[in-house]
C-alpha atoms as a PDB file:
ATOM      1  CA  MET A   1     -16.148 133.413  50.869  1.00  0.00           C
ATOM      2  CA  ARG A   2     -12.709 132.369  49.597  1.00  0.00           C
ATOM      3  CA  TRP A   3     -11.008 135.361  51.207  1.00  0.00           C
ATOM      4  CA  PHE A   4     -12.786 134.590  54.471  1.00  0.00           C
ATOM      5  CA  GLN A   5     -11.569 130.975  54.454  1.00  0.00           C
ATOM      6  CA  ALA A   6      -8.016 132.151  53.761  1.00  0.00           C
ATOM      7  CA  LEU A   7      -8.067 134.100  57.013  1.00  0.00           C
ATOM      8  CA  MET A   8      -9.127 131.088  59.058  1.00  0.00           C
ATOM      9  CA  PRO A   9      -6.448 128.885  60.629  1.00  0.00           C
ATOM     10  CA  ARG A  10      -6.135 125.427  59.066  1.00  0.00           C
ATOM     11  CA  GLU A  11      -7.010 122.379  61.141  1.00  0.00           C
ATOM     12  CA  ASP A  12      -3.444 121.080  60.979  1.00  0.00           C
ATOM     13  CA  ARG A  13      -2.312 124.303  62.639  1.00  0.00           C
ATOM     14  CA  PHE A  14      -3.534 122.890  65.955  1.00  0.00           C
ATOM     15  CA  PHE A  15      -1.317 119.824  65.660  1.00  0.00           C
ATOM     16  CA  GLU A  16       1.673 121.985  64.801  1.00  0.00           C
ATOM     17  CA  LEU A  17       1.075 124.097  67.909  1.00  0.00           C
ATOM     18  CA  PHE A  18       0.577 121.019  70.098  1.00  0.00           C
ATOM     19  CA  ASN A  19       3.853 119.565  68.837  1.00  0.00           C
ATOM     20  CA  ARG A  20       5.749 122.796  69.420  1.00  0.00           C
ATOM     21  CA  HIS A  21       4.358 123.045  72.928  1.00  0.00           C
ATOM     22  CA  ALA A  22       5.279 119.446  73.712  1.00  0.00           C
ATOM     23  CA  ALA A  23       8.808 120.182  72.487  1.00  0.00           C
ATOM     24  CA  THR A  24       9.115 123.015  75.023  1.00  0.00           C
ATOM     25  CA  ILE A  25       8.114 120.565  77.747  1.00  0.00           C
ATOM     26  CA  VAL A  26      10.934 118.220  76.759  1.00  0.00           C
ATOM     27  CA  LEU A  27      13.403 121.111  76.800  1.00  0.00           C
ATOM     28  CA  GLY A  28      12.128 122.236  80.189  1.00  0.00           C
ATOM     29  CA  ALA A  29      12.455 118.694  81.563  1.00  0.00           C
ATOM     30  CA  GLN A  30      16.016 118.432  80.287  1.00  0.00           C
ATOM     31  CA  ALA A  31      16.900 121.751  81.928  1.00  0.00           C
ATOM     32  CA  LEU A  32      15.348 120.580  85.213  1.00  0.00           C
ATOM     33  CA  SER A  33      17.312 117.337  85.065  1.00  0.00           C
ATOM     34  CA  ASP A  34      20.496 119.303  84.344  1.00  0.00           C
ATOM     35  CA  LEU A  35      19.781 121.376  87.448  1.00  0.00           C
ATOM     36  CA  LEU A  36      19.304 118.318  89.660  1.00  0.00           C
ATOM     37  CA  GLU A  37      22.400 116.609  88.251  1.00  0.00           C
ATOM     38  CA  SER A  38      24.496 119.816  88.552  1.00  0.00           C
ATOM     39  CA  ARG A  39      25.399 119.677  84.861  1.00  0.00           C
ATOM     40  CA  ALA A  40      25.099 123.465  84.785  1.00  0.00           C
ATOM     41  CA  SER A  41      24.569 126.222  87.322  1.00  0.00           C
ATOM     42  CA  ILE A  42      21.235 126.376  89.083  1.00  0.00           C
ATOM     43  CA  GLU A  43      20.598 129.900  87.828  1.00  0.00           C
ATOM     44  CA  ASP A  44      21.388 128.942  84.246  1.00  0.00           C
ATOM     45  CA  CYS A  45      18.994 126.003  84.392  1.00  0.00           C
ATOM     46  CA  ARG A  46      16.289 128.082  86.053  1.00  0.00           C
ATOM     47  CA  ALA A  47      16.644 130.710  83.332  1.00  0.00           C
ATOM     48  CA  ARG A  48      16.369 128.053  80.619  1.00  0.00           C
ATOM     49  CA  ILE A  49      13.181 126.685  82.154  1.00  0.00           C
ATOM     50  CA  ALA A  50      11.749 130.219  82.365  1.00  0.00           C
ATOM     51  CA  VAL A  51      12.452 130.807  78.660  1.00  0.00           C
ATOM     52  CA  HIS A  52      10.764 127.534  77.692  1.00  0.00           C
ATOM     53  CA  GLU A  53       7.800 128.273  79.966  1.00  0.00           C
ATOM     54  CA  ASN A  54       7.388 131.687  78.360  1.00  0.00           C
ATOM     55  CA  ASP A  55       7.482 130.114  74.887  1.00  0.00           C
ATOM     56  CA  ALA A  56       4.868 127.597  76.014  1.00  0.00           C
ATOM     57  CA  ASP A  57       2.597 130.383  77.266  1.00  0.00           C
ATOM     58  CA  GLY A  58       2.769 132.023  73.849  1.00  0.00           C
ATOM     59  CA  LEU A  59       1.824 128.768  72.128  1.00  0.00           C
ATOM     60  CA  THR A  60      -1.067 128.284  74.549  1.00  0.00           C
ATOM     61  CA  ARG A  61      -2.399 131.720  73.674  1.00  0.00           C
ATOM     62  CA  GLU A  62      -2.114 130.892  69.952  1.00  0.00           C
ATOM     63  CA  VAL A  63      -4.154 127.724  70.426  1.00  0.00           C
ATOM     64  CA  MET A  64      -6.852 129.521  72.415  1.00  0.00           C
ATOM     65  CA  LEU A  65      -7.078 132.206  69.737  1.00  0.00           C
ATOM     66  CA  ALA A  66      -7.192 129.600  66.962  1.00  0.00           C
ATOM     67  CA  VAL A  67     -10.059 127.808  68.710  1.00  0.00           C
ATOM     68  CA  ARG A  68     -12.119 130.999  68.558  1.00  0.00           C
ATOM     69  CA  ARG A  69     -11.236 131.720  64.938  1.00  0.00           C
ATOM     70  CA  THR A  70     -11.538 128.248  63.420  1.00  0.00           C
ATOM     71  CA  PHE A  71     -14.934 127.205  62.092  1.00  0.00           C
ATOM     72  CA  ILE A  72     -14.187 123.463  62.049  1.00  0.00           C
ATOM     73  CA  THR A  73     -11.670 122.077  64.562  1.00  0.00           C
ATOM     74  CA  PRO A  74      -9.987 118.636  64.323  1.00  0.00           C
ATOM     75  CA  PHE A  75     -11.751 117.549  67.495  1.00  0.00           C
ATOM     76  CA  ASP A  76     -13.975 119.031  70.203  1.00  0.00           C
ATOM     77  CA  ARG A  77     -13.089 122.612  71.165  1.00  0.00           C
ATOM     78  CA  GLY A  78     -13.283 121.793  74.849  1.00  0.00           C
ATOM     79  CA  ASP A  79     -10.823 118.919  74.372  1.00  0.00           C
ATOM     80  CA  ILE A  80      -8.426 121.209  72.516  1.00  0.00           C
ATOM     81  CA  GLN A  81      -8.568 123.775  75.306  1.00  0.00           C
ATOM     82  CA  ASP A  82      -8.175 121.110  78.000  1.00  0.00           C
ATOM     83  CA  LEU A  83      -5.218 119.502  76.253  1.00  0.00           C
ATOM     84  CA  ILE A  84      -3.245 122.696  75.721  1.00  0.00           C
ATOM     85  CA  SER A  85      -4.007 123.819  79.289  1.00  0.00           C
ATOM     86  CA  LEU A  86      -2.755 120.524  80.721  1.00  0.00           C
ATOM     87  CA  LEU A  87       0.383 120.700  78.593  1.00  0.00           C
ATOM     88  CA  ASP A  88       0.959 124.202  79.902  1.00  0.00           C
ATOM     89  CA  ASP A  89       0.388 123.079  83.496  1.00  0.00           C
ATOM     90  CA  SER A  90       3.253 120.599  83.065  1.00  0.00           C
ATOM     91  CA  ILE A  91       5.898 123.161  82.212  1.00  0.00           C
ATOM     92  CA  ASP A  92       4.418 125.640  84.710  1.00  0.00           C
ATOM     93  CA  GLN A  93       5.085 123.050  87.404  1.00  0.00           C
ATOM     94  CA  MET A  94       8.666 122.643  86.211  1.00  0.00           C
ATOM     95  CA  GLN A  95       9.146 126.374  86.636  1.00  0.00           C
ATOM     96  CA  LYS A  96       7.608 126.275  90.128  1.00  0.00           C
ATOM     97  CA  THR A  97      10.038 123.502  91.038  1.00  0.00           C
ATOM     98  CA  ALA A  98      13.063 125.470  89.856  1.00  0.00           C
ATOM     99  CA  LYS A  99      11.764 128.606  91.578  1.00  0.00           C
ATOM    100  CA  SER A 100      11.456 126.785  94.915  1.00  0.00           C
ATOM    101  CA  ILE A 101      14.980 125.427  94.590  1.00  0.00           C
ATOM    102  CA  VAL A 102      16.312 128.950  94.047  1.00  0.00           C
ATOM    103  CA  GLN A 103      14.199 130.476  96.821  1.00  0.00           C
ATOM    104  CA  PHE A 104      15.321 127.906  99.386  1.00  0.00           C
ATOM    105  CA  GLU A 105      18.931 128.124  98.174  1.00  0.00           C
ATOM    106  CA  VAL A 106      19.160 124.364  97.677  1.00  0.00           C
ATOM    107  CA  THR A 107      22.487 123.488  96.070  1.00  0.00           C
ATOM    108  CA  SER A 108      22.723 119.711  96.438  1.00  0.00           C
ATOM    109  CA  PHE A 109      20.153 117.065  95.639  1.00  0.00           C
ATOM    110  CA  GLU A 110      19.326 113.632  96.991  1.00  0.00           C
ATOM    111  CA  PRO A 111      19.758 110.570  94.726  1.00  0.00           C
ATOM    112  CA  ALA A 112      15.980 110.060  94.546  1.00  0.00           C
ATOM    113  CA  MET A 113      15.528 113.693  93.463  1.00  0.00           C
ATOM    114  CA  ARG A 114      18.007 113.187  90.641  1.00  0.00           C
ATOM    115  CA  GLU A 115      16.257 109.999  89.580  1.00  0.00           C
ATOM    116  CA  MET A 116      12.929 111.822  89.576  1.00  0.00           C
ATOM    117  CA  GLY A 117      14.532 114.307  87.190  1.00  0.00           C
ATOM    118  CA  GLU A 118      15.333 111.411  84.847  1.00  0.00           C
ATOM    119  CA  VAL A 119      11.760 110.139  85.206  1.00  0.00           C
ATOM    120  CA  ILE A 120      10.435 113.576  84.253  1.00  0.00           C
ATOM    121  CA  VAL A 121      12.577 113.654  81.115  1.00  0.00           C
ATOM    122  CA  LYS A 122      11.324 110.210  80.088  1.00  0.00           C
ATOM    123  CA  ALA A 123       7.680 111.100  80.762  1.00  0.00           C
ATOM    124  CA  SER A 124       8.014 114.349  78.798  1.00  0.00           C
ATOM    125  CA  GLU A 125       9.528 112.527  75.824  1.00  0.00           C
ATOM    126  CA  LEU A 126       6.696 109.986  75.818  1.00  0.00           C
ATOM    127  CA  THR A 127       4.187 112.828  76.102  1.00  0.00           C
ATOM    128  CA  ALA A 128       5.728 114.574  73.098  1.00  0.00           C
ATOM    129  CA  GLU A 129       5.539 111.329  71.124  1.00  0.00           C
ATOM    130  CA  ALA A 130       1.870 110.908  72.016  1.00  0.00           C
ATOM    131  CA  VAL A 131       1.049 114.481  71.040  1.00  0.00           C
ATOM    132  CA  GLY A 132       2.783 113.939  67.714  1.00  0.00           C
ATOM    133  CA  LEU A 133       0.508 110.988  66.938  1.00  0.00           C
ATOM    134  CA  LEU A 134      -2.743 112.897  67.446  1.00  0.00           C
ATOM    135  CA  SER A 135      -2.999 114.088  63.844  1.00  0.00           C
ATOM    136  CA  ALA A 136      -3.718 110.462  62.832  1.00  0.00           C
ATOM    137  CA  MET A 137      -5.123 109.151  66.098  1.00  0.00           C
ATOM    138  CA  GLN A 138      -7.155 106.297  64.663  1.00  0.00           C
ATOM    139  CA  ALA A 139      -4.168 104.875  62.805  1.00  0.00           C
ATOM    140  CA  ASN A 140      -2.011 105.375  65.930  1.00  0.00           C
ATOM    141  CA  ALA A 141      -4.538 104.166  68.495  1.00  0.00           C
ATOM    142  CA  GLY A 142      -2.484 101.173  69.589  1.00  0.00           C
ATOM    143  CA  ARG A 143       0.674 103.180  70.156  1.00  0.00           C
ATOM    144  CA  LEU A 144      -1.240 105.973  71.909  1.00  0.00           C
ATOM    145  CA  ASN A 145      -2.743 103.487  74.363  1.00  0.00           C
ATOM    146  CA  ALA A 146       0.682 101.953  74.970  1.00  0.00           C
ATOM    147  CA  LEU A 147       2.183 105.381  75.645  1.00  0.00           C
ATOM    148  CA  ALA A 148      -0.564 106.223  78.134  1.00  0.00           C
ATOM    149  CA  GLU A 149       0.097 102.967  79.981  1.00  0.00           C
ATOM    150  CA  GLU A 150       3.852 103.603  80.024  1.00  0.00           C
ATOM    151  CA  ILE A 151       3.383 107.120  81.399  1.00  0.00           C
ATOM    152  CA  THR A 152       1.158 105.664  84.129  1.00  0.00           C
ATOM    153  CA  ARG A 153       3.919 103.200  85.052  1.00  0.00           C
ATOM    154  CA  ILE A 154       6.409 106.060  85.161  1.00  0.00           C
ATOM    155  CA  GLU A 155       4.078 108.010  87.452  1.00  0.00           C
ATOM    156  CA  GLU A 156       3.925 105.005  89.761  1.00  0.00           C
ATOM    157  CA  ARG A 157       7.725 104.892  89.797  1.00  0.00           C
ATOM    158  CA  SER A 158       7.715 108.600  90.663  1.00  0.00           C
ATOM    159  CA  ASP A 159       5.403 107.891  93.609  1.00  0.00           C
ATOM    160  CA  ASP A 160       7.804 105.220  94.859  1.00  0.00           C
ATOM    161  CA  LEU A 161      10.773 107.587  94.571  1.00  0.00           C
ATOM    162  CA  TYR A 162       8.833 110.258  96.429  1.00  0.00           C
ATOM    163  CA  ASP A 163       8.030 107.893  99.285  1.00  0.00           C
ATOM    164  CA  GLN A 164      11.602 106.594  99.480  1.00  0.00           C
ATOM    165  CA  GLY A 165      13.057 110.095  99.302  1.00  0.00           C
ATOM    166  CA  VAL A 166      10.856 111.611 101.988  1.00  0.00           C
ATOM    167  CA  LYS A 167      11.488 108.652 104.288  1.00  0.00           C
ATOM    168  CA  ALA A 168      15.250 109.006 103.783  1.00  0.00           C
ATOM    169  CA  LEU A 169      14.995 112.729 104.535  1.00  0.00           C
ATOM    170  CA  PHE A 170      13.159 112.015 107.768  1.00  0.00           C
ATOM    171  CA  ARG A 171      15.753 109.506 108.887  1.00  0.00           C
ATOM    172  CA  THR A 172      18.566 111.919 108.087  1.00  0.00           C
ATOM    173  CA  HIS A 173      17.087 115.008 109.722  1.00  0.00           C
ATOM    174  CA  ARG A 174      14.850 113.759 112.550  1.00  0.00           C
ATOM    175  CA  ASN A 175      17.525 114.591 115.115  1.00  0.00           C
ATOM    176  CA  GLY A 176      18.891 117.588 113.235  1.00  0.00           C
ATOM    177  CA  ASN A 177      17.511 120.720 111.572  1.00  0.00           C
ATOM    178  CA  PRO A 178      13.797 120.178 110.817  1.00  0.00           C
ATOM    179  CA  MET A 179      13.912 122.962 108.214  1.00  0.00           C
ATOM    180  CA  ASP A 180      16.172 120.809 106.023  1.00  0.00           C
ATOM    181  CA  TYR A 181      13.518 118.099 106.083  1.00  0.00           C
ATOM    182  CA  ILE A 182      10.712 120.554 105.290  1.00  0.00           C
ATOM    183  CA  ILE A 183      12.583 122.062 102.344  1.00  0.00           C
ATOM    184  CA  GLY A 184      13.612 118.679 100.979  1.00  0.00           C
ATOM    185  CA  ALA A 185      10.063 117.347 101.250  1.00  0.00           C
ATOM    186  CA  GLU A 186       8.736 120.374  99.383  1.00  0.00           C
ATOM    187  CA  ILE A 187      11.190 119.809  96.528  1.00  0.00           C
ATOM    188  CA  TYR A 188      10.059 116.189  96.322  1.00  0.00           C
ATOM    189  CA  ASP A 189       6.447 117.360  96.276  1.00  0.00           C
ATOM    190  CA  HIS A 190       7.119 119.712  93.366  1.00  0.00           C
ATOM    191  CA  LEU A 191       8.914 117.006  91.406  1.00  0.00           C
ATOM    192  CA  GLU A 192       6.090 114.539  91.934  1.00  0.00           C
ATOM    193  CA  LYS A 193       3.574 117.129  90.749  1.00  0.00           C
ATOM    194  CA  VAL A 194       5.477 117.532  87.466  1.00  0.00           C
ATOM    195  CA  VAL A 195       4.975 113.845  86.722  1.00  0.00           C
ATOM    196  CA  ASP A 196       1.341 114.067  87.837  1.00  0.00           C
ATOM    197  CA  ARG A 197       0.724 116.875  85.353  1.00  0.00           C
ATOM    198  CA  LEU A 198       2.263 114.804  82.547  1.00  0.00           C
ATOM    199  CA  GLN A 199       0.021 111.904  83.477  1.00  0.00           C
ATOM    200  CA  ASP A 200      -2.936 114.302  83.303  1.00  0.00           C
ATOM    201  CA  VAL A 201      -1.967 114.993  79.676  1.00  0.00           C
ATOM    202  CA  ALA A 202      -1.805 111.257  78.930  1.00  0.00           C
ATOM    203  CA  ASN A 203      -5.232 110.728  80.506  1.00  0.00           C
ATOM    204  CA  ARG A 204      -6.741 113.556  78.449  1.00  0.00           C
ATOM    205  CA  ILE A 205      -5.264 112.114  75.265  1.00  0.00           C
ATOM    206  CA  SER A 206      -6.759 108.730  76.173  1.00  0.00           C
ATOM    207  CA  GLY A 207     -10.130 110.397  76.644  1.00  0.00           C
ATOM    208  CA  ILE A 208      -9.924 112.127  73.286  1.00  0.00           C
ATOM    209  CA  LEU A 209      -8.952 108.836  71.654  1.00  0.00           C
ATOM    210  CA  ILE A 210     -11.954 107.049  73.152  1.00  0.00           C
ATOM    211  CA  GLU A 211     -14.278 109.749  71.849  1.00  0.00           C
ATOM    212  CA  HIS A 212     -12.972 109.413  68.285  1.00  0.00           C
ATOM    213  CA  LEU A 213     -12.727 105.640  67.887  1.00  0.00           C
END
């Protein structure tokens, strides 16, 4: 039996994988913000996001495999699968955003787009902090709830920026090229979805916390 147990992943392995995945999200968010702020070339930033997204996919596969191989998991298997999937959705959406920017050959970005990039970085950092507290969730319950509330406020700020940005686009392009409005609105939509995916992670963490208190 001892040799069999040695082959099984340890419970703390899940938390290590969650933390590593959350770290890729922060890196992806920073690369996306760099793209929007023109701190580096668009292609360089897109490539960075792709590398981080690929790393995140590998970590997601490790978690899914560990769920099947581990006899006792730190919390419900379905919650583990949901959490890692939602984390992965977040960086997937960052890659979709960068891909759309490249496809539509967008080279300059509206002020609200750049601010949404900053919002995404902040939300990703808070998400990574929350994920890092899961290994002792009961002791960290207060901070986890506060983080979930802060991410919700950030998502509301993202909604406001989206509305302001799309309205500004309409005013700028209503008598000009409608394609510029359509492309700009799609970029805003992608950016808003990134924040939505991060809020989904926060909501899932809140659900897991409720189940274990």
